[in-house]
N, C-alpha and C. Protein backbone atom coordinates (compact mmCIF):
# COMPACT_ATOMS: atom_id res chain seq x y z
N MET A 1 0.76 -0.90 -0.01
CA MET A 1 -0.20 -0.16 -0.20
C MET A 1 1.07 1.17 0.27
N ALA A 2 0.55 2.36 -1.01
CA ALA A 2 2.06 3.31 -0.82
C ALA A 2 0.87 3.36 0.27
N TYR A 3 1.83 5.33 0.57
CA TYR A 3 2.03 5.88 1.47
C TYR A 3 0.97 7.09 2.50
N LEU A 4 0.03 7.26 2.66
CA LEU A 4 -1.25 7.13 3.09
C LEU A 4 -0.99 7.49 5.06
N CYS A 5 -2.26 9.29 4.47
CA CYS A 5 -1.98 8.88 5.90
C CYS A 5 -3.16 8.41 7.04
N LYS A 6 -3.31 8.25 8.44
CA LYS A 6 -3.36 7.20 9.11
C LYS A 6 -5.15 7.06 8.78
N GLU A 7 -6.21 8.37 8.28
CA GLU A 7 -6.73 8.05 8.14
C GLU A 7 -7.43 7.83 7.63
N ALA A 8 -6.15 8.17 6.22
CA ALA A 8 -6.78 8.07 4.49
C ALA A 8 -6.38 5.91 4.81
N ARG A 9 -4.91 5.87 5.05
CA ARG A 9 -5.11 4.15 5.15
C ARG A 9 -6.21 3.40 5.92
N LYS A 10 -6.84 4.45 7.12
CA LYS A 10 -8.54 3.40 7.67
C LYS A 10 -9.60 3.75 6.62
N THR A 11 -9.32 4.38 5.88
CA THR A 11 -10.68 4.69 4.73
C THR A 11 -10.09 3.21 4.33
N THR A 12 -9.51 3.04 3.36
CA THR A 12 -8.92 2.55 2.34
C THR A 12 -9.34 0.97 2.89
N ILE A 13 -8.54 0.12 3.79
CA ILE A 13 -8.90 -1.29 4.55
C ILE A 13 -10.18 -0.50 4.96
N LEU A 14 -11.02 0.04 5.36
CA LEU A 14 -12.55 -0.63 5.53
C LEU A 14 -13.33 -0.36 4.40
N GLU A 15 -12.47 0.11 3.35
CA GLU A 15 -13.56 0.55 1.88
C GLU A 15 -13.25 -1.15 1.25
N ALA A 16 -12.25 -1.43 1.52
CA ALA A 16 -11.71 -2.85 1.26
C ALA A 16 -12.58 -4.22 1.80
N ALA A 17 -12.61 -3.46 2.81
CA ALA A 17 -13.62 -4.47 3.82
C ALA A 17 -14.79 -4.89 4.01
N ALA A 18 -15.13 -3.62 3.26
CA ALA A 18 -17.32 -3.18 2.25
C ALA A 18 -17.01 -4.79 1.67
N ARG A 19 -16.15 -3.40 0.13
CA ARG A 19 -16.58 -4.66 -0.56
C ARG A 19 -16.03 -6.86 -0.78
N VAL A 20 -15.65 -6.90 -0.07
CA VAL A 20 -15.74 -8.51 0.62
C VAL A 20 -16.52 -8.75 0.87
N ALA A 21 -16.98 -8.15 2.12
CA ALA A 21 -18.54 -8.88 2.83
C ALA A 21 -19.48 -8.28 2.13
N ARG A 22 -19.91 -7.52 0.72
CA ARG A 22 -21.32 -7.42 -0.21
C ARG A 22 -20.41 -8.65 -0.24
N TYR A 23 -19.15 -9.39 -1.33
CA TYR A 23 -19.70 -9.97 -3.08
C TYR A 23 -19.24 -11.61 -2.53
N GLU A 24 -18.54 -10.68 -0.94
CA GLU A 24 -18.35 -12.73 -0.49
C GLU A 24 -19.42 -12.99 0.53
N GLY A 25 -19.06 -12.73 1.63
CA GLY A 25 -20.41 -11.88 2.55
C GLY A 25 -19.29 -12.18 3.95
N LEU A 26 -19.60 -12.12 5.21
CA LEU A 26 -18.87 -11.75 6.47
C LEU A 26 -17.94 -12.72 6.71
N ALA A 27 -18.94 -14.04 6.98
CA ALA A 27 -18.04 -15.29 6.92
C ALA A 27 -15.92 -15.12 5.91
N ALA A 28 -15.71 -14.58 4.99
CA ALA A 28 -15.35 -14.42 4.55
C ALA A 28 -14.59 -12.84 4.62
N THR A 29 -14.94 -12.21 5.41
CA THR A 29 -14.50 -10.72 6.30
C THR A 29 -13.35 -11.15 7.05
N THR A 30 -12.54 -11.74 6.62
CA THR A 30 -11.49 -11.42 8.58
C THR A 30 -10.03 -10.59 7.45
N VAL A 31 -9.63 -10.58 8.78
CA VAL A 31 -8.48 -9.65 8.62
C VAL A 31 -7.60 -9.69 7.16
N ARG A 32 -7.00 -11.74 7.02
CA ARG A 32 -5.99 -11.61 6.08
C ARG A 32 -6.90 -11.04 4.56
N ARG A 33 -8.18 -11.81 4.78
CA ARG A 33 -8.52 -11.61 2.87
C ARG A 33 -8.55 -10.07 2.96
N VAL A 34 -8.79 -9.04 4.02
CA VAL A 34 -9.50 -7.37 3.90
C VAL A 34 -8.30 -7.23 4.16
N ALA A 35 -6.60 -7.16 4.06
CA ALA A 35 -4.81 -6.54 3.47
C ALA A 35 -5.56 -7.11 2.51
N GLN A 36 -5.60 -9.04 1.94
CA GLN A 36 -4.94 -8.94 0.54
C GLN A 36 -5.90 -8.07 -0.11
N GLU A 37 -7.52 -8.06 -0.39
CA GLU A 37 -8.28 -6.43 -1.02
C GLU A 37 -7.87 -5.48 -0.95
N ALA A 38 -6.79 -5.18 0.28
CA ALA A 38 -6.49 -3.25 0.36
C ALA A 38 -4.81 -3.56 -0.48
N GLY A 39 -4.82 -4.11 -0.48
CA GLY A 39 -3.47 -4.56 -0.51
C GLY A 39 -1.76 -3.53 0.47
N ALA A 40 -2.91 -4.02 1.73
CA ALA A 40 -1.84 -3.90 2.74
C ALA A 40 -1.73 -5.03 3.81
N ALA A 41 -0.42 -4.96 4.65
CA ALA A 41 0.29 -5.63 5.64
C ALA A 41 -1.34 -6.22 6.41
N THR A 42 -1.64 -7.74 7.49
CA THR A 42 -2.54 -7.99 8.70
C THR A 42 -1.73 -6.19 9.22
N GLY A 43 -0.53 -6.91 9.63
CA GLY A 43 -0.90 -5.64 11.03
C GLY A 43 -1.74 -4.26 11.03
N GLN A 44 -1.10 -3.72 9.71
CA GLN A 44 -2.75 -2.36 8.85
C GLN A 44 -2.83 -3.23 9.52
N VAL A 45 -3.85 -3.50 9.22
CA VAL A 45 -5.26 -3.91 9.62
C VAL A 45 -5.41 -4.20 11.17
N HIS A 46 -4.73 -4.36 11.50
CA HIS A 46 -4.96 -4.87 12.90
C HIS A 46 -4.97 -3.75 13.64
N HIS A 47 -3.66 -2.41 13.98
CA HIS A 47 -2.90 -1.51 13.86
C HIS A 47 -4.74 -0.31 13.83
N HIS A 48 -5.47 -0.78 13.03
CA HIS A 48 -7.02 0.26 12.93
C HIS A 48 -8.61 -0.23 12.99
N PHE A 49 -8.42 -1.93 13.67
CA PHE A 49 -9.13 -2.91 14.43
C PHE A 49 -8.85 -3.68 15.19
N SER A 50 -9.79 -3.91 16.22
CA SER A 50 -9.10 -4.57 17.81
C SER A 50 -8.97 -5.82 16.99
N SER A 51 -9.61 -5.75 16.47
CA SER A 51 -10.74 -7.32 15.91
C SER A 51 -11.37 -7.59 15.05
N ALA A 52 -11.13 -9.19 14.67
CA ALA A 52 -12.09 -9.84 12.79
C ALA A 52 -13.39 -9.34 13.99
N GLY A 53 -14.06 -9.43 15.01
CA GLY A 53 -16.00 -8.69 14.98
C GLY A 53 -15.59 -7.97 14.19
N GLU A 54 -14.68 -6.42 15.40
CA GLU A 54 -14.33 -5.15 14.81
C GLU A 54 -14.92 -3.93 13.12
N LEU A 55 -14.07 -5.30 12.80
CA LEU A 55 -13.92 -5.98 11.28
C LEU A 55 -15.31 -5.85 10.71
N ARG A 56 -15.52 -6.73 10.88
CA ARG A 56 -16.76 -6.82 10.42
C ARG A 56 -17.77 -6.36 10.35
N ALA A 57 -18.55 -6.09 11.72
CA ALA A 57 -19.18 -4.75 12.10
C ALA A 57 -19.31 -3.34 11.66
N GLN A 58 -18.00 -2.85 11.34
CA GLN A 58 -17.99 -1.86 10.62
C GLN A 58 -18.80 -1.77 9.01
N ALA A 59 -18.06 -3.23 8.34
CA ALA A 59 -17.66 -3.17 7.23
C ALA A 59 -19.14 -3.83 6.68
N TYR A 60 -20.06 -4.47 7.36
CA TYR A 60 -21.44 -5.16 7.47
C TYR A 60 -22.52 -2.97 7.80
N THR A 61 -21.69 -2.01 8.74
CA THR A 61 -22.23 -0.77 8.13
C THR A 61 -22.37 -0.18 7.18
N GLN A 62 -21.00 0.42 6.98
CA GLN A 62 -20.20 0.42 5.40
C GLN A 62 -21.17 0.13 4.46
N VAL A 63 -21.59 -0.72 4.60
CA VAL A 63 -22.42 -1.80 2.87
C VAL A 63 -23.52 -0.81 3.43
N MET A 64 -23.98 -1.04 4.70
CA MET A 64 -26.05 -1.06 4.03
C MET A 64 -25.70 1.13 4.60
N LYS A 65 -24.89 1.16 5.07
CA LYS A 65 -25.25 2.94 4.79
C LYS A 65 -25.10 3.57 3.25
N ILE A 66 -24.14 2.71 2.39
CA ILE A 66 -24.28 2.67 0.78
C ILE A 66 -25.44 2.79 0.87
N LEU A 67 -25.91 1.39 1.14
CA LEU A 67 -26.76 0.29 0.53
C LEU A 67 -28.43 1.75 0.88
N LYS A 68 -28.15 2.26 1.66
CA LYS A 68 -29.12 3.85 2.47
C LYS A 68 -29.14 5.20 0.97
N GLU A 69 -28.21 4.78 1.23
CA GLU A 69 -27.76 5.87 0.41
C GLU A 69 -28.71 5.59 -1.58
N GLN A 70 -28.18 4.62 -1.60
CA GLN A 70 -28.49 4.81 -3.25
C GLN A 70 -30.35 4.67 -2.29
N LEU A 71 -30.34 4.04 -1.83
CA LEU A 71 -32.33 3.76 -2.24
C LEU A 71 -32.37 4.80 -2.00
N LEU A 72 -32.51 6.45 -1.14
CA LEU A 72 -32.42 7.46 -0.82
C LEU A 72 -32.39 8.05 -2.39
N GLU A 73 -31.64 7.96 -3.10
CA GLU A 73 -30.99 8.55 -4.62
C GLU A 73 -32.70 7.83 -4.96
N ARG A 74 -32.60 6.78 -5.33
CA ARG A 74 -33.47 6.06 -6.07
C ARG A 74 -34.73 6.31 -5.89
N SER A 75 -35.05 6.85 -5.15
CA SER A 75 -37.21 6.92 -4.22
C SER A 75 -37.48 7.72 -5.06
N GLN A 76 -35.93 8.84 -5.01
CA GLN A 76 -36.73 10.40 -4.67
C GLN A 76 -37.93 10.32 -6.48
N GLN A 77 -38.11 9.84 -7.28
CA GLN A 77 -38.67 9.59 -8.05
C GLN A 77 -40.64 9.69 -8.19
N MET A 78 -40.51 8.05 -6.91
CA MET A 78 -41.83 7.73 -6.73
C MET A 78 -42.50 7.83 -6.40
N THR A 79 -43.65 7.38 -6.02
CA THR A 79 -44.28 7.79 -5.04
C THR A 79 -44.65 6.59 -4.13
N ALA A 80 -45.86 7.01 -3.08
CA ALA A 80 -45.24 7.31 -1.23
C ALA A 80 -45.31 5.66 -1.39
N ARG A 81 -46.49 4.90 -2.49
CA ARG A 81 -46.74 3.23 -2.56
C ARG A 81 -45.45 2.92 -3.02
N GLU A 82 -44.85 2.86 -3.84
CA GLU A 82 -43.92 2.40 -4.99
C GLU A 82 -42.50 2.25 -4.12
N ARG A 83 -42.27 3.81 -3.22
CA ARG A 83 -41.10 3.27 -1.86
C ARG A 83 -41.32 2.31 -0.68
N LEU A 84 -42.30 2.63 -0.44
CA LEU A 84 -42.47 1.10 0.00
C LEU A 84 -42.72 -0.01 -0.49
N ASN A 85 -42.99 -0.36 -1.79
CA ASN A 85 -42.54 -1.47 -2.12
C ASN A 85 -41.47 -1.46 -2.40
N LEU A 86 -40.58 -0.54 -2.43
CA LEU A 86 -38.55 -0.93 -2.72
C LEU A 86 -38.71 -0.82 -1.33
N LEU A 87 -38.91 -0.85 -0.32
CA LEU A 87 -38.10 -0.94 1.05
C LEU A 87 -38.52 -2.45 1.49
N LEU A 88 -39.66 -2.37 1.30
CA LEU A 88 -40.57 -3.85 2.46
C LEU A 88 -41.25 -5.54 1.27
N ILE A 89 -41.69 -5.27 0.39
CA ILE A 89 -41.64 -6.10 -0.99
C ILE A 89 -40.84 -6.50 -1.70
N ASP A 90 -40.31 -5.34 -2.58
CA ASP A 90 -39.55 -6.35 -4.04
C ASP A 90 -38.25 -4.53 -4.28
N PRO A 91 -36.98 -5.29 -3.74
CA PRO A 91 -36.07 -4.84 -3.64
C PRO A 91 -35.63 -4.07 -5.04
N GLN A 92 -35.57 -5.13 -6.24
CA GLN A 92 -35.36 -4.58 -7.76
C GLN A 92 -34.34 -4.47 -8.11
N ASP A 93 -32.78 -4.21 -7.83
CA ASP A 93 -32.21 -3.87 -7.86
C ASP A 93 -30.73 -5.16 -7.25
N ASP A 94 -30.04 -5.12 -8.65
CA ASP A 94 -28.98 -6.43 -8.18
C ASP A 94 -28.37 -5.81 -6.85
N GLN A 95 -28.06 -4.60 -6.39
CA GLN A 95 -27.62 -3.82 -4.96
C GLN A 95 -28.40 -4.57 -3.98
N SER A 96 -29.87 -4.31 -3.89
CA SER A 96 -30.21 -4.95 -2.54
C SER A 96 -30.56 -6.36 -2.50
N LEU A 97 -30.65 -6.77 -3.93
CA LEU A 97 -31.02 -8.30 -3.54
C LEU A 97 -28.89 -7.90 -2.56
N MET A 98 -28.10 -8.51 -3.64
CA MET A 98 -27.20 -8.45 -2.84
C MET A 98 -26.68 -8.25 -1.05
N ALA A 99 -27.54 -7.56 -0.70
CA ALA A 99 -27.24 -7.22 0.33
C ALA A 99 -28.43 -8.14 1.65
N ILE A 100 -28.92 -8.32 0.68
CA ILE A 100 -30.27 -9.52 1.69
C ILE A 100 -29.53 -10.86 2.04
N PRO A 101 -28.77 -11.04 1.58
CA PRO A 101 -27.56 -12.56 2.44
C PRO A 101 -27.01 -11.78 3.29
N LEU A 102 -26.54 -11.25 3.02
CA LEU A 102 -25.65 -10.00 3.87
C LEU A 102 -26.21 -9.93 5.61
N TRP A 103 -27.60 -8.79 5.04
CA TRP A 103 -28.77 -9.32 6.33
C TRP A 103 -28.97 -10.11 6.75
N HIS A 104 -29.52 -11.19 5.79
CA HIS A 104 -29.84 -12.77 7.37
C HIS A 104 -28.38 -12.81 8.35
N GLU A 105 -27.06 -13.22 7.42
CA GLU A 105 -25.78 -13.31 8.38
C GLU A 105 -25.71 -12.54 9.59
N ALA A 106 -25.34 -11.42 8.91
CA ALA A 106 -25.54 -10.61 10.08
C ALA A 106 -26.22 -11.31 10.89
N MET A 107 -27.34 -10.61 11.32
CA MET A 107 -28.33 -11.24 12.82
C MET A 107 -27.65 -12.24 12.88
N LEU A 108 -27.26 -13.63 11.64
CA LEU A 108 -27.13 -14.63 12.45
C LEU A 108 -25.88 -14.47 13.56
N LEU A 109 -24.89 -13.16 13.65
CA LEU A 109 -23.84 -12.95 14.21
C LEU A 109 -23.87 -12.23 15.31
N THR A 110 -24.84 -11.52 15.04
CA THR A 110 -25.54 -10.76 16.56
C THR A 110 -25.68 -11.50 18.12
N GLU A 111 -25.14 -12.82 17.86
CA GLU A 111 -25.77 -13.67 18.89
C GLU A 111 -24.68 -13.49 19.70
N GLN A 112 -23.80 -14.09 18.97
CA GLN A 112 -22.24 -14.02 18.90
C GLN A 112 -20.91 -13.24 18.68
N GLU A 113 -21.48 -11.70 18.58
CA GLU A 113 -20.54 -10.42 18.40
C GLU A 113 -21.59 -9.90 19.49
N PRO A 114 -21.14 -8.89 20.17
CA PRO A 114 -21.35 -7.42 21.08
C PRO A 114 -21.66 -6.18 19.62
N LEU A 115 -20.15 -6.11 19.02
CA LEU A 115 -20.39 -5.61 17.70
C LEU A 115 -20.93 -5.11 16.72
N MET A 116 -21.45 -6.82 15.97
CA MET A 116 -22.40 -6.81 15.27
C MET A 116 -23.65 -6.87 16.11
N LYS A 117 -23.68 -6.92 16.39
CA LYS A 117 -25.24 -6.83 17.11
C LYS A 117 -25.36 -5.29 16.67
N ALA A 118 -24.68 -4.57 17.37
CA ALA A 118 -25.10 -3.14 17.68
C ALA A 118 -25.29 -2.93 16.72
N ALA A 119 -24.54 -3.35 15.29
CA ALA A 119 -24.47 -2.46 14.12
C ALA A 119 -25.73 -2.88 12.88
N PHE A 120 -26.09 -3.99 13.48
CA PHE A 120 -27.19 -4.28 13.08
C PHE A 120 -28.71 -3.98 13.45
N ALA A 121 -28.68 -3.59 14.49
CA ALA A 121 -28.69 -2.67 15.28
C ALA A 121 -29.64 -1.71 14.88
N LEU A 122 -27.70 -0.72 14.25
CA LEU A 122 -28.42 0.69 13.61
C LEU A 122 -29.41 -0.05 12.22
N SER A 123 -28.76 -0.77 11.14
CA SER A 123 -28.94 -0.79 9.74
C SER A 123 -31.13 -0.84 9.90
N VAL A 124 -31.71 -2.04 11.61
CA VAL A 124 -32.90 -2.15 10.89
C VAL A 124 -33.41 -0.98 12.61
N ALA A 125 -32.39 0.59 12.13
CA ALA A 125 -33.11 2.01 12.79
C ALA A 125 -33.67 2.63 11.61
N ASP A 126 -32.04 2.31 10.84
CA ASP A 126 -32.21 3.35 9.39
C ASP A 126 -32.96 2.34 8.32
N TRP A 127 -33.50 1.33 8.37
CA TRP A 127 -34.69 1.31 8.37
C TRP A 127 -36.18 0.79 8.32
N HIS A 128 -36.21 1.62 9.47
CA HIS A 128 -37.67 1.82 10.28
C HIS A 128 -37.87 3.38 9.22
N GLU A 129 -36.27 4.24 9.38
CA GLU A 129 -36.34 5.79 9.28
C GLU A 129 -36.88 6.14 7.81
N LEU A 130 -36.16 4.83 6.91
CA LEU A 130 -36.30 4.40 6.03
C LEU A 130 -38.04 5.33 5.77
N VAL A 131 -38.63 3.31 6.28
CA VAL A 131 -40.02 3.34 5.85
C VAL A 131 -40.90 4.49 6.53
N SER A 132 -40.59 4.88 7.51
CA SER A 132 -42.08 5.86 7.84
C SER A 132 -41.62 7.17 7.46
N ASP A 133 -40.29 7.82 6.85
CA ASP A 133 -40.39 9.23 6.12
C ASP A 133 -41.08 8.58 5.02
N ALA A 134 -41.73 7.43 4.13
CA ALA A 134 -42.51 7.29 3.45
C ALA A 134 -43.88 7.15 3.49
N ILE A 135 -43.95 6.57 4.71
CA ILE A 135 -45.33 7.15 5.15
C ILE A 135 -45.79 7.28 5.10
N GLU A 136 -45.15 9.27 6.12
CA GLU A 136 -44.80 10.64 6.13
C GLU A 136 -45.06 11.27 4.51
N PHE A 137 -43.86 11.18 4.31
CA PHE A 137 -44.71 11.13 2.50
C PHE A 137 -45.34 10.97 2.06
N GLY A 138 -46.30 9.08 1.71
CA GLY A 138 -47.62 9.46 1.41
C GLY A 138 -48.17 10.67 1.98
N ARG A 139 -48.83 10.12 2.92
CA ARG A 139 -49.69 11.27 3.69
C ARG A 139 -50.08 12.93 3.68
N GLN A 140 -48.55 13.45 3.42
CA GLN A 140 -48.09 14.80 2.70
C GLN A 140 -49.01 14.92 1.08
N LYS A 141 -48.24 13.68 0.95
CA LYS A 141 -49.30 14.49 -0.60
C LYS A 141 -50.67 13.34 -0.39
N GLY A 142 -51.30 13.12 -0.14
CA GLY A 142 -52.53 13.09 0.35
C GLY A 142 -52.93 11.63 -0.56
N GLU A 143 -51.81 9.91 -0.44
CA GLU A 143 -51.53 8.72 -1.08
C GLU A 143 -51.81 8.22 -0.07
N PHE A 144 -51.64 8.23 1.50
CA PHE A 144 -52.39 7.65 1.64
C PHE A 144 -53.24 8.45 3.36
N SER A 145 -53.77 7.65 4.01
CA SER A 145 -54.79 7.75 4.87
C SER A 145 -54.27 8.21 6.24
N LYS A 146 -54.55 9.42 7.04
CA LYS A 146 -54.33 9.73 7.58
C LYS A 146 -54.56 9.06 9.39
N GLY A 147 -53.71 8.82 10.34
CA GLY A 147 -53.92 7.55 10.80
C GLY A 147 -52.27 7.57 12.16
N GLU A 148 -53.00 6.93 12.55
CA GLU A 148 -51.46 6.55 13.80
C GLU A 148 -50.11 6.72 12.70
N SER A 149 -49.22 6.75 14.51
CA SER A 149 -48.08 7.68 13.92
C SER A 149 -47.11 6.47 12.83
N PRO A 150 -46.37 7.63 11.79
CA PRO A 150 -46.18 6.49 10.72
C PRO A 150 -45.14 5.71 11.79
N GLU A 151 -44.18 6.12 12.85
CA GLU A 151 -43.48 4.96 13.26
C GLU A 151 -43.69 4.11 14.04
N HIS A 152 -44.91 3.90 14.42
CA HIS A 152 -45.97 2.60 14.66
C HIS A 152 -46.19 1.93 13.71
N ILE A 153 -46.44 2.81 12.51
CA ILE A 153 -46.52 1.11 11.05
C ILE A 153 -45.35 1.19 11.37
N SER A 154 -45.04 1.73 10.74
CA SER A 154 -43.68 0.81 10.34
C SER A 154 -42.95 -0.19 10.69
N TRP A 155 -42.19 0.13 11.88
CA TRP A 155 -42.62 -1.37 13.38
C TRP A 155 -43.28 -2.28 12.47
N ARG A 156 -44.58 -2.08 12.06
CA ARG A 156 -45.31 -3.60 12.00
C ARG A 156 -45.35 -3.49 11.19
N LEU A 157 -44.71 -2.86 9.96
CA LEU A 157 -44.79 -3.51 8.68
C LEU A 157 -43.69 -4.07 7.88
N ILE A 158 -42.14 -4.08 8.62
CA ILE A 158 -41.03 -3.92 8.70
C ILE A 158 -41.06 -5.29 9.65
N GLY A 159 -41.75 -5.60 11.08
CA GLY A 159 -42.29 -6.82 11.86
C GLY A 159 -41.59 -7.60 10.46
N LEU A 160 -43.45 -7.08 10.06
CA LEU A 160 -44.32 -8.32 8.75
C LEU A 160 -42.74 -8.60 7.60
N SER A 161 -42.61 -8.10 7.06
CA SER A 161 -41.67 -7.99 5.87
C SER A 161 -40.30 -8.55 5.69
N SER A 162 -39.80 -8.62 7.96
CA SER A 162 -38.58 -9.64 7.94
C SER A 162 -38.76 -11.33 8.05
N SER A 163 -40.51 -11.03 9.05
CA SER A 163 -41.22 -12.53 8.79
C SER A 163 -40.99 -13.67 8.06
N MET A 164 -42.27 -12.39 7.30
CA MET A 164 -42.13 -13.52 5.69
C MET A 164 -40.94 -13.33 5.25
N ASP A 165 -40.13 -12.55 4.93
CA ASP A 165 -38.78 -13.36 3.75
C ASP A 165 -38.58 -14.19 4.37
N ALA A 166 -38.14 -14.78 6.30
CA ALA A 166 -37.20 -15.30 6.89
C ALA A 166 -38.34 -17.19 6.73
N MET A 167 -39.38 -17.04 6.63
CA MET A 167 -40.64 -17.77 6.71
C MET A 167 -40.19 -18.26 4.70
N SER A 168 -40.18 -17.34 4.32
CA SER A 168 -40.56 -18.08 2.59
C SER A 168 -39.47 -19.08 2.44
N ARG A 169 -38.50 -18.91 2.92
CA ARG A 169 -37.28 -19.97 2.74
C ARG A 169 -37.26 -21.10 3.91
N LEU A 170 -38.36 -21.66 4.54
CA LEU A 170 -38.53 -22.86 5.28
C LEU A 170 -39.19 -23.17 3.51
N GLU A 171 -38.74 -24.25 2.81
CA GLU A 171 -40.04 -24.79 1.59
C GLU A 171 -40.61 -25.28 1.61
N THR A 172 -40.39 -26.46 2.95
CA THR A 172 -42.08 -27.16 3.73
C THR A 172 -43.24 -26.45 4.02
N LEU A 173 -43.23 -24.77 4.36
CA LEU A 173 -44.11 -24.69 5.03
C LEU A 173 -44.84 -24.24 3.54
N GLY A 174 -45.01 -23.96 2.55
CA GLY A 174 -45.32 -24.14 1.49
C GLY A 174 -46.07 -22.49 1.19
N LEU A 175 -45.08 -21.37 2.26
CA LEU A 175 -45.19 -19.46 1.57
C LEU A 175 -44.70 -19.51 0.58
N THR A 176 -44.72 -19.19 -0.71
CA THR A 176 -44.21 -19.47 -1.44
C THR A 176 -43.97 -17.33 -1.91
N SER A 177 -43.17 -16.84 -2.26
CA SER A 177 -42.27 -15.73 -2.55
C SER A 177 -44.08 -14.43 -2.93
N GLN A 178 -44.76 -15.03 -3.65
CA GLN A 178 -45.52 -14.79 -3.92
C GLN A 178 -46.69 -14.07 -3.42
N CYS A 179 -46.89 -15.06 -2.19
CA CYS A 179 -48.07 -15.90 -0.79
C CYS A 179 -47.34 -14.69 -0.38
N ALA A 180 -46.41 -14.44 0.15
CA ALA A 180 -45.73 -13.14 1.10
C ALA A 180 -45.62 -11.48 0.45
N GLU A 181 -45.45 -11.45 -0.86
CA GLU A 181 -45.98 -10.38 -1.53
C GLU A 181 -47.50 -10.18 -1.36
N TYR A 182 -48.31 -11.21 -1.25
CA TYR A 182 -49.20 -11.57 -1.41
C TYR A 182 -50.14 -10.07 0.01
N ASN A 183 -49.50 -11.00 0.80
CA ASN A 183 -49.68 -9.88 2.38
C ASN A 183 -48.94 -9.51 3.18
N LEU A 184 -48.09 -8.95 2.43
CA LEU A 184 -47.15 -7.54 2.53
C LEU A 184 -48.24 -7.04 1.82
N HIS A 185 -48.89 -6.99 0.69
CA HIS A 185 -49.30 -5.73 0.02
C HIS A 185 -51.19 -5.53 0.42
N ARG A 186 -51.41 -6.58 1.17
CA ARG A 186 -52.50 -6.15 2.12
C ARG A 186 -52.40 -5.76 2.91
N ALA A 187 -51.67 -5.32 4.09
CA ALA A 187 -51.12 -5.37 4.89
C ALA A 187 -50.92 -4.11 4.90
N ILE A 188 -50.53 -3.63 2.88
CA ILE A 188 -49.80 -2.02 3.55
C ILE A 188 -51.22 -1.30 3.01
N GLN A 189 -51.55 -2.40 2.27
CA GLN A 189 -53.73 -1.58 1.83
C GLN A 189 -54.57 -1.53 3.78
N ASN A 190 -53.95 -2.48 4.57
CA ASN A 190 -55.27 -2.09 5.26
C ASN A 190 -54.52 -0.99 6.74
N GLU A 191 -52.97 -1.04 7.06
CA GLU A 191 -52.53 0.01 7.61
C GLU A 191 -52.63 1.39 7.20
N LEU A 192 -52.68 1.66 5.50
CA LEU A 192 -52.68 3.02 4.97
C LEU A 192 -53.87 3.80 4.33
N TYR A 193 -54.78 2.56 3.66
CA TYR A 193 -55.90 3.34 2.84
C TYR A 193 -56.83 2.84 4.24
N VAL A 194 -58.55 3.79 3.06
CA VAL A 194 -59.89 4.32 4.44
C VAL A 194 -59.86 2.66 3.64
N SER A 195 -60.44 2.46 2.44
CA SER A 195 -60.63 1.30 2.00
C SER A 195 -59.74 0.29 1.24
N GLU A 196 -60.65 -1.18 1.41
CA GLU A 196 -59.77 -2.49 0.45
C GLU A 196 -60.02 -2.30 -1.21
N ALA A 197 -60.11 -1.01 -2.16
CA ALA A 197 -60.25 -1.06 -2.79
C ALA A 197 -59.18 -1.68 -3.63
N GLY A 198 -59.12 -2.08 -5.18
CA GLY A 198 -57.41 -2.44 -5.36
C GLY A 198 -57.16 -3.41 -4.42
N CYS A 199 -57.03 -3.65 -3.37
CA CYS A 199 -56.96 -4.99 -3.30
C CYS A 199 -57.53 -6.06 -2.84
N LYS A 200 -57.50 -7.39 -4.44
CA LYS A 200 -58.10 -7.91 -4.70
C LYS A 200 -57.32 -9.68 -4.22
N GLU A 201 -58.45 -10.77 -4.16
CA GLU A 201 -58.20 -12.07 -3.19
C GLU A 201 -58.25 -12.67 -4.75
N THR A 202 -56.24 -13.34 -5.35
CA THR A 202 -56.77 -14.12 -6.06
C THR A 202 -56.49 -15.38 -5.92
N SER A 203 -56.82 -16.40 -6.87
CA SER A 203 -56.82 -18.39 -6.45
C SER A 203 -54.98 -18.26 -6.19
N ASP A 204 -54.83 -17.99 -6.63
CA ASP A 204 -53.08 -18.52 -7.75
C ASP A 204 -51.95 -17.66 -6.45
N VAL A 205 -53.09 -17.78 -4.26
CA VAL A 205 -51.69 -16.94 -4.17
C VAL A 205 -51.65 -18.00 -3.06
């Protein structure tokens, strides 16, 4: 690694760690692998990060920070309902889809690594903020009906989205992704619209 000041070296290493985490997963985000990606010595990585756990937690935070910025940019031209679909139902783009397995891996690591637990909680708080803001935006535009605070509704929708995602991965339950999407659309309809117009049951779910 060419000579860099202390903060620049740390930034370069963190960016390398985020790339490894995004494309190879958190299990692959080791000191040795990140040093290789950054073109640095392992000692330099240890100098800036006290442990592999801290390195993974900060790499995960960096990936989720970038994803949040991308989601905010993409949602600028969307309606409120389209924003909720993007945040809760259909991530649509490769970068968001790539972050889903990373999210699952981070959730499992919260039981073993306190720093990852804090990082994961931060990413959930950011998700909650994005959904709450989309609900408030929809109310300001007259797209959603007034009612309970966006923060409460956001927690319910996030909880359902997360649970549906987890359960749809258990094939023996028979909960298809289409069925999960249907129930999420119904939940949004019930929470944010006065009537159920446009929310029709289908026989293929």
